[in-house]
Each structure stands twice: as structure tokens, then as C-alpha cells.
PDB file of N, CA and C in Angstrom:
ATOM      1  N   MET A   1       0.922  -1.248   0.117  1.00  0.00           N
ATOM      2  CA  MET A   1       0.001   0.038   0.036  1.00  0.00           C
ATOM      3  C   MET A   1       0.744   1.331  -0.049  1.00  0.00           C
ATOM      4  N   ARG A   2       1.687   1.559  -0.909  1.00  0.00           N
ATOM      5  CA  ARG A   2       2.533   2.574  -0.984  1.00  0.00           C
ATOM      6  C   ARG A   2       1.530   3.715  -1.188  1.00  0.00           C
ATOM      7  N   GLY A   3       1.921   5.014  -0.673  1.00  0.00           N
ATOM      8  CA  GLY A   3       1.295   5.984  -0.724  1.00  0.00           C
ATOM      9  C   GLY A   3       0.127   6.457  -0.116  1.00  0.00           C
ATOM     10  N   TYR A   4      -0.248   5.200   0.546  1.00  0.00           N
ATOM     11  CA  TYR A   4      -1.552   5.433   1.477  1.00  0.00           C
ATOM     12  C   TYR A   4      -1.334   5.443   2.931  1.00  0.00           C
ATOM     13  N   CYS A   5      -1.738   6.664   3.571  1.00  0.00           N
ATOM     14  CA  CYS A   5      -1.393   6.630   4.996  1.00  0.00           C
ATOM     15  C   CYS A   5      -2.469   6.609   5.780  1.00  0.00           C
ATOM     16  N   VAL A   6      -2.404   5.877   6.939  1.00  0.00           N
ATOM     17  CA  VAL A   6      -3.714   5.711   7.842  1.00  0.00           C
ATOM     18  C   VAL A   6      -3.051   6.119   9.336  1.00  0.00           C
ATOM     19  N   SER A   7      -3.707   7.272  10.044  1.00  0.00           N
ATOM     20  CA  SER A   7      -3.433   7.687  11.080  1.00  0.00           C
ATOM     21  C   SER A   7      -3.389   6.650  12.062  1.00  0.00           C
ATOM     22  N   ALA A   8      -2.510   6.294  12.962  1.00  0.00           N
ATOM     23  CA  ALA A   8      -2.635   5.435  14.112  1.00  0.00           C
ATOM     24  C   ALA A   8      -3.398   5.922  15.420  1.00  0.00           C
ATOM     25  N   ILE A   9      -3.425   7.225  15.174  1.00  0.00           N
ATOM     26  CA  ILE A   9      -4.041   7.892  16.462  1.00  0.00           C
ATOM     27  C   ILE A   9      -5.469   7.785  16.486  1.00  0.00           C
ATOM     28  N   GLN A  10      -5.965   7.224  17.503  1.00  0.00           N
ATOM     29  CA  GLN A  10      -7.620   6.841  17.399  1.00  0.00           C
ATOM     30  C   GLN A  10      -8.280   7.737  18.549  1.00  0.00           C
ATOM     31  N   SER A  11      -7.444   8.223  19.479  1.00  0.00           N
ATOM     32  CA  SER A  11      -8.057   9.099  20.735  1.00  0.00           C
ATOM     33  C   SER A  11      -7.096  10.093  21.256  1.00  0.00           C
ATOM     34  N   ILE A  12      -7.651  11.221  21.809  1.00  0.00           N
ATOM     35  CA  ILE A  12      -6.547  12.200  22.282  1.00  0.00           C
ATOM     36  C   ILE A  12      -7.594  12.620  23.480  1.00  0.00           C
ATOM     37  N   LYS A  13      -6.806  13.415  24.523  1.00  0.00           N
ATOM     38  CA  LYS A  13      -7.225  14.104  25.661  1.00  0.00           C
ATOM     39  C   LYS A  13      -7.960  15.163  25.372  1.00  0.00           C
ATOM     40  N   CYS A  14      -9.114  15.317  26.060  1.00  0.00           N
ATOM     41  CA  CYS A  14      -9.823  16.511  25.709  1.00  0.00           C
ATOM     42  C   CYS A  14      -9.206  17.677  26.269  1.00  0.00           C
ATOM     43  N   PRO A  15      -9.205  18.757  25.488  1.00  0.00           N
ATOM     44  CA  PRO A  15      -8.563  19.958  26.014  1.00  0.00           C
ATOM     45  C   PRO A  15      -9.073  20.536  27.279  1.00  0.00           C
ATOM     46  N   HIS A  16     -10.348  20.217  27.588  1.00  0.00           N
ATOM     47  CA  HIS A  16     -11.035  20.680  28.731  1.00  0.00           C
ATOM     48  C   HIS A  16     -10.784  19.733  30.000  1.00  0.00           C
ATOM     49  N   CYS A  17     -11.184  18.690  30.029  1.00  0.00           N
ATOM     50  CA  CYS A  17     -11.339  17.940  31.142  1.00  0.00           C
ATOM     51  C   CYS A  17     -10.220  16.870  31.176  1.00  0.00           C
ATOM     52  N   ARG A  18      -9.457  16.828  30.088  1.00  0.00           N
ATOM     53  CA  ARG A  18      -8.263  15.653  29.897  1.00  0.00           C
ATOM     54  C   ARG A  18      -8.816  14.362  29.756  1.00  0.00           C
ATOM     55  N   LYS A  19      -9.951  13.950  29.687  1.00  0.00           N
ATOM     56  CA  LYS A  19     -10.373  12.531  29.344  1.00  0.00           C
ATOM     57  C   LYS A  19     -10.048  12.042  28.154  1.00  0.00           C
ATOM     58  N   GLU A  20     -10.208  10.705  27.866  1.00  0.00           N
ATOM     59  CA  GLU A  20      -9.598  10.433  26.346  1.00  0.00           C
ATOM     60  C   GLU A  20     -10.888  10.614  25.635  1.00  0.00           C
ATOM     61  N   ALA A  21     -10.737  11.287  24.347  1.00  0.00           N
ATOM     62  CA  ALA A  21     -11.870  11.542  23.563  1.00  0.00           C
ATOM     63  C   ALA A  21     -11.566  10.890  22.215  1.00  0.00           C
ATOM     64  N   SER A  22     -12.673  10.049  21.619  1.00  0.00           N
ATOM     65  CA  SER A  22     -12.358   9.334  20.430  1.00  0.00           C
ATOM     66  C   SER A  22     -12.010  10.329  19.209  1.00  0.00           C
ATOM     67  N   LEU A  23     -11.458  10.119  18.274  1.00  0.00           N
ATOM     68  CA  LEU A  23     -11.551  11.025  17.152  1.00  0.00           C
ATOM     69  C   LEU A  23     -12.530  10.418  15.994  1.00  0.00           C
ATOM     70  N   THR A  24     -12.812   9.195  16.193  1.00  0.00           N
ATOM     71  CA  THR A  24     -13.650   8.840  15.101  1.00  0.00           C
ATOM     72  C   THR A  24     -15.171   8.837  15.455  1.00  0.00           C
ATOM     73  N   ASP A  25     -15.839   9.112  14.630  1.00  0.00           N
ATOM     74  CA  ASP A  25     -17.397   9.453  15.319  1.00  0.00           C
ATOM     75  C   ASP A  25     -17.779  10.149  16.390  1.00  0.00           C
ATOM     76  N   ASN A  26     -17.004  11.039  16.630  1.00  0.00           N
ATOM     77  CA  ASN A  26     -17.235  11.909  17.749  1.00  0.00           C
ATOM     78  C   ASN A  26     -17.522  13.418  17.168  1.00  0.00           C
ATOM     79  N   PRO A  27     -18.752  13.819  17.094  1.00  0.00           N
ATOM     80  CA  PRO A  27     -19.220  15.032  16.461  1.00  0.00           C
ATOM     81  C   PRO A  27     -18.574  16.094  17.270  1.00  0.00           C
ATOM     82  N   TYR A  28     -18.186  16.112  19.129  1.00  0.00           N
ATOM     83  CA  TYR A  28     -17.314  16.995  19.500  1.00  0.00           C
ATOM     84  C   TYR A  28     -16.182  17.358  19.401  1.00  0.00           C
ATOM     85  N   ARG A  29     -15.200  16.381  18.661  1.00  0.00           N
ATOM     86  CA  ARG A  29     -13.823  16.427  18.852  1.00  0.00           C
ATOM     87  C   ARG A  29     -13.389  17.829  18.432  1.00  0.00           C
ATOM     88  N   PRO A  30     -12.207  18.105  19.062  1.00  0.00           N
ATOM     89  CA  PRO A  30     -11.470  17.421  19.746  1.00  0.00           C
ATOM     90  C   PRO A  30     -11.841  17.193  21.421  1.00  0.00           C
ATOM     91  N   PHE A  31     -13.200  17.723  21.753  1.00  0.00           N
ATOM     92  CA  PHE A  31     -13.670  17.495  22.936  1.00  0.00           C
ATOM     93  C   PHE A  31     -14.038  16.374  23.022  1.00  0.00           C
ATOM     94  N   CYS A  32     -14.485  15.832  24.089  1.00  0.00           N
ATOM     95  CA  CYS A  32     -15.154  14.336  24.607  1.00  0.00           C
ATOM     96  C   CYS A  32     -16.578  14.736  24.621  1.00  0.00           C
ATOM     97  N   SER A  33     -17.192  15.707  24.863  1.00  0.00           N
ATOM     98  CA  SER A  33     -18.700  16.116  25.043  1.00  0.00           C
ATOM     99  C   SER A  33     -18.962  17.209  24.584  1.00  0.00           C
ATOM    100  N   LYS A  34     -20.354  17.274  24.300  1.00  0.00           N
ATOM    101  CA  LYS A  34     -20.835  18.710  24.131  1.00  0.00           C
ATOM    102  C   LYS A  34     -20.686  19.708  25.410  1.00  0.00           C
ATOM    103  N   ARG A  35     -20.734  19.161  26.611  1.00  0.00           N
ATOM    104  CA  ARG A  35     -20.355  20.086  27.743  1.00  0.00           C
ATOM    105  C   ARG A  35     -19.163  20.621  27.766  1.00  0.00           C
ATOM    106  N   CYS A  36     -18.064  19.754  27.302  1.00  0.00           N
ATOM    107  CA  CYS A  36     -16.714  20.348  27.507  1.00  0.00           C
ATOM    108  C   CYS A  36     -16.553  21.400  26.138  1.00  0.00           C
ATOM    109  N   LYS A  37     -17.372  21.155  25.059  1.00  0.00           N
ATOM    110  CA  LYS A  37     -17.233  21.960  23.921  1.00  0.00           C
ATOM    111  C   LYS A  37     -17.784  23.288  24.133  1.00  0.00           C
ATOM    112  N   MET A  38     -19.152  23.306  24.961  1.00  0.00           N
ATOM    113  CA  MET A  38     -19.589  24.668  25.063  1.00  0.00           C
ATOM    114  C   MET A  38     -18.832  25.317  26.367  1.00  0.00           C
ATOM    115  N   ILE A  39     -18.194  24.670  27.319  1.00  0.00           N
ATOM    116  CA  ILE A  39     -17.462  25.571  28.429  1.00  0.00           C
ATOM    117  C   ILE A  39     -16.331  26.094  27.512  1.00  0.00           C
ATOM    118  N   ASP A  40     -15.718  25.389  26.614  1.00  0.00           N
ATOM    119  CA  ASP A  40     -14.470  26.205  25.918  1.00  0.00           C
ATOM    120  C   ASP A  40     -14.958  27.303  25.071  1.00  0.00           C
ATOM    121  N   LEU A  41     -16.383  27.053  24.465  1.00  0.00           N
ATOM    122  CA  LEU A  41     -16.948  28.241  23.659  1.00  0.00           C
ATOM    123  C   LEU A  41     -17.451  29.521  24.869  1.00  0.00           C
ATOM    124  N   GLY A  42     -17.685  29.346  25.954  1.00  0.00           N
ATOM    125  CA  GLY A  42     -18.041  30.304  26.842  1.00  0.00           C
ATOM    126  C   GLY A  42     -16.727  31.143  27.036  1.00  0.00           C
ATOM    127  N   THR A  43     -15.908  30.236  27.471  1.00  0.00           N
ATOM    128  CA  THR A  43     -14.438  30.843  27.870  1.00  0.00           C
ATOM    129  C   THR A  43     -13.997  31.981  26.532  1.00  0.00           C
ATOM    130  N   TRP A  44     -14.141  31.434  25.325  1.00  0.00           N
ATOM    131  CA  TRP A  44     -13.716  32.236  24.053  1.00  0.00           C
ATOM    132  C   TRP A  44     -14.760  33.618  24.148  1.00  0.00           C
ATOM    133  N   ALA A  45     -16.131  33.342  24.377  1.00  0.00           N
ATOM    134  CA  ALA A  45     -17.023  34.401  24.141  1.00  0.00           C
ATOM    135  C   ALA A  45     -16.694  35.394  25.498  1.00  0.00           C
ATOM    136  N   ASP A  46     -16.292  35.005  26.723  1.00  0.00           N
ATOM    137  CA  ASP A  46     -16.072  35.738  27.720  1.00  0.00           C
ATOM    138  C   ASP A  46     -14.574  36.495  27.474  1.00  0.00           C
ATOM    139  N   GLU A  47     -13.949  36.275  26.499  1.00  0.00           N
ATOM    140  CA  GLU A  47     -12.558  36.823  26.143  1.00  0.00           C
ATOM    141  C   GLU A  47     -11.555  36.032  27.585  1.00  0.00           C
ATOM    142  N   GLY A  48     -11.720  34.829  27.899  1.00  0.00           N
ATOM    143  CA  GLY A  48     -10.887  34.201  28.741  1.00  0.00           C
ATOM    144  C   GLY A  48      -9.606  33.928  28.179  1.00  0.00           C
ATOM    145  N   TYR A  49      -9.430  33.715  26.924  1.00  0.00           N
ATOM    146  CA  TYR A  49      -8.203  33.286  26.360  1.00  0.00           C
ATOM    147  C   TYR A  49      -7.673  34.486  25.747  1.00  0.00           C
ATOM    148  N   ARG A  50      -6.455  34.756  26.199  1.00  0.00           N
ATOM    149  CA  ARG A  50      -5.632  35.920  25.976  1.00  0.00           C
ATOM    150  C   ARG A  50      -4.374  35.576  25.327  1.00  0.00           C
ATOM    151  N   ILE A  51      -3.739  36.231  24.622  1.00  0.00           N
ATOM    152  CA  ILE A  51      -2.441  36.308  23.931  1.00  0.00           C
ATOM    153  C   ILE A  51      -1.604  37.353  24.658  1.00  0.00           C
ATOM    154  N   PRO A  52      -0.380  37.056  25.351  1.00  0.00           N
ATOM    155  CA  PRO A  52       0.240  37.695  26.250  1.00  0.00           C
ATOM    156  C   PRO A  52       1.019  39.003  25.514  1.00  0.00           C
ATOM    157  N   GLY A  53       0.914  39.954  25.754  1.00  0.00           N
ATOM    158  CA  GLY A  53       1.505  41.170  25.156  1.00  0.00           C
ATOM    159  C   GLY A  53       1.033  42.725  25.511  1.00  0.00           C
ATOM    160  N   GLU A  54       1.039  43.496  24.889  1.00  0.00           N
ATOM    161  CA  GLU A  54       0.670  44.909  24.899  1.00  0.00           C
ATOM    162  C   GLU A  54      -0.640  44.921  24.328  1.00  0.00           C
ATOM    163  N   ARG A  55      -1.802  45.571  24.992  1.00  0.00           N
ATOM    164  CA  ARG A  55      -2.730  45.719  24.424  1.00  0.00           C
ATOM    165  C   ARG A  55      -2.960  46.899  23.273  1.00  0.00           C
ATOM    166  N   ALA A  56      -3.612  46.514  22.124  1.00  0.00           N
ATOM    167  CA  ALA A  56      -3.670  47.477  20.789  1.00  0.00           C
ATOM    168  C   ALA A  56      -4.212  48.718  21.280  1.00  0.00           C
ATOM    169  N   PRO A  57      -3.650  49.900  20.880  1.00  0.00           N
ATOM    170  CA  PRO A  57      -4.395  50.839  21.059  1.00  0.00           C
ATOM    171  C   PRO A  57      -5.886  51.070  20.655  1.00  0.00           C
ATOM    172  N   GLU A  58      -6.883  51.904  21.329  1.00  0.00           N
ATOM    173  CA  GLU A  58      -8.241  51.680  20.833  1.00  0.00           C
ATOM    174  C   GLU A  58      -8.205  52.911  19.517  1.00  0.00           C
ATOM    175  N   ALA A  59      -9.180  52.818  18.851  1.00  0.00           N
ATOM    176  CA  ALA A  59      -9.580  53.411  17.655  1.00  0.00           C
ATOM    177  C   ALA A  59     -10.178  54.690  18.069  1.00  0.00           C
ATOM    178  N   ASP A  60      -9.827  55.895  17.713  1.00  0.00           N
ATOM    179  CA  ASP A  60     -10.557  57.159  17.954  1.00  0.00           C
ATOM    180  C   ASP A  60     -11.681  57.371  16.756  1.00  0.00           C
ATOM    181  N   ASP A  61     -12.662  58.028  17.643  1.00  0.00           N
ATOM    182  CA  ASP A  61     -13.872  58.068  16.751  1.00  0.00           C
ATOM    183  C   ASP A  61     -13.511  59.202  15.589  1.00  0.00           C
ATOM    184  N   GLU A  62     -12.858  60.096  16.191  1.00  0.00           N
ATOM    185  CA  GLU A  62     -12.496  61.244  15.239  1.00  0.00           C
ATOM    186  C   GLU A  62     -11.775  60.727  13.836  1.00  0.00           C
ATOM    187  N   ASP A  63     -10.857  59.839  13.870  1.00  0.00           N
ATOM    188  CA  ASP A  63     -10.048  59.181  12.836  1.00  0.00           C
ATOM    189  C   ASP A  63     -11.140  58.701  11.685  1.00  0.00           C
ATOM    190  N   GLU A  64     -12.308  58.199  12.262  1.00  0.00           N
ATOM    191  CA  GLU A  64     -13.181  57.764  11.215  1.00  0.00           C
ATOM    192  C   GLU A  64     -13.866  58.690  10.359  1.00  0.00           C
ATOM    193  N   ASP A  65     -13.835  60.016  11.020  1.00  0.00           N
ATOM    194  CA  ASP A  65     -14.649  60.966   9.909  1.00  0.00           C
ATOM    195  C   ASP A  65     -13.747  61.428   9.049  1.00  0.00           C
ATOM    196  N   GLU A  66     -12.447  61.129   8.848  1.00  0.00           N
ATOM    197  CA  GLU A  66     -11.607  61.943   7.951  1.00  0.00           C
ATOM    198  C   GLU A  66     -11.427  61.327   6.627  1.00  0.00           C
TER     199      GLU A  66
END
């Protein structure tokens, strides 16, 4: 079977709860469940994930009129 690659990885750890999560037939992958997926989405919505560094300057309303 030259040129044909099959992934040996069948499961990974859920990014939220760290339980084993199947990669096949799992609609919530990489999460283990809908609950973990929704918790992660809520963290994004609440701006809980941040990239370290200085905050970008806010746009002035005056600059938009020009």
C-alpha cells in the first residue's frame, strides 16, 4: 500500500477535562462531550483566552470622520 497513510491515533485527551476523547465518530472532537465544547466556547465568548503582550491602541472616533 504505497502512498496510502492511515493515522494510528484513535483518541486524544480532551482539551478541557483531559479525559480520553475518540477521534472517530465524535461530533464534538477534539472535546469528549458537548458540555466540554460549550464550556470552551463560553471561555472564548467571555474573552478568557488571551495572547500575552501589550494591548492594541483603541481606535479614535475622530479618525473615522476623515
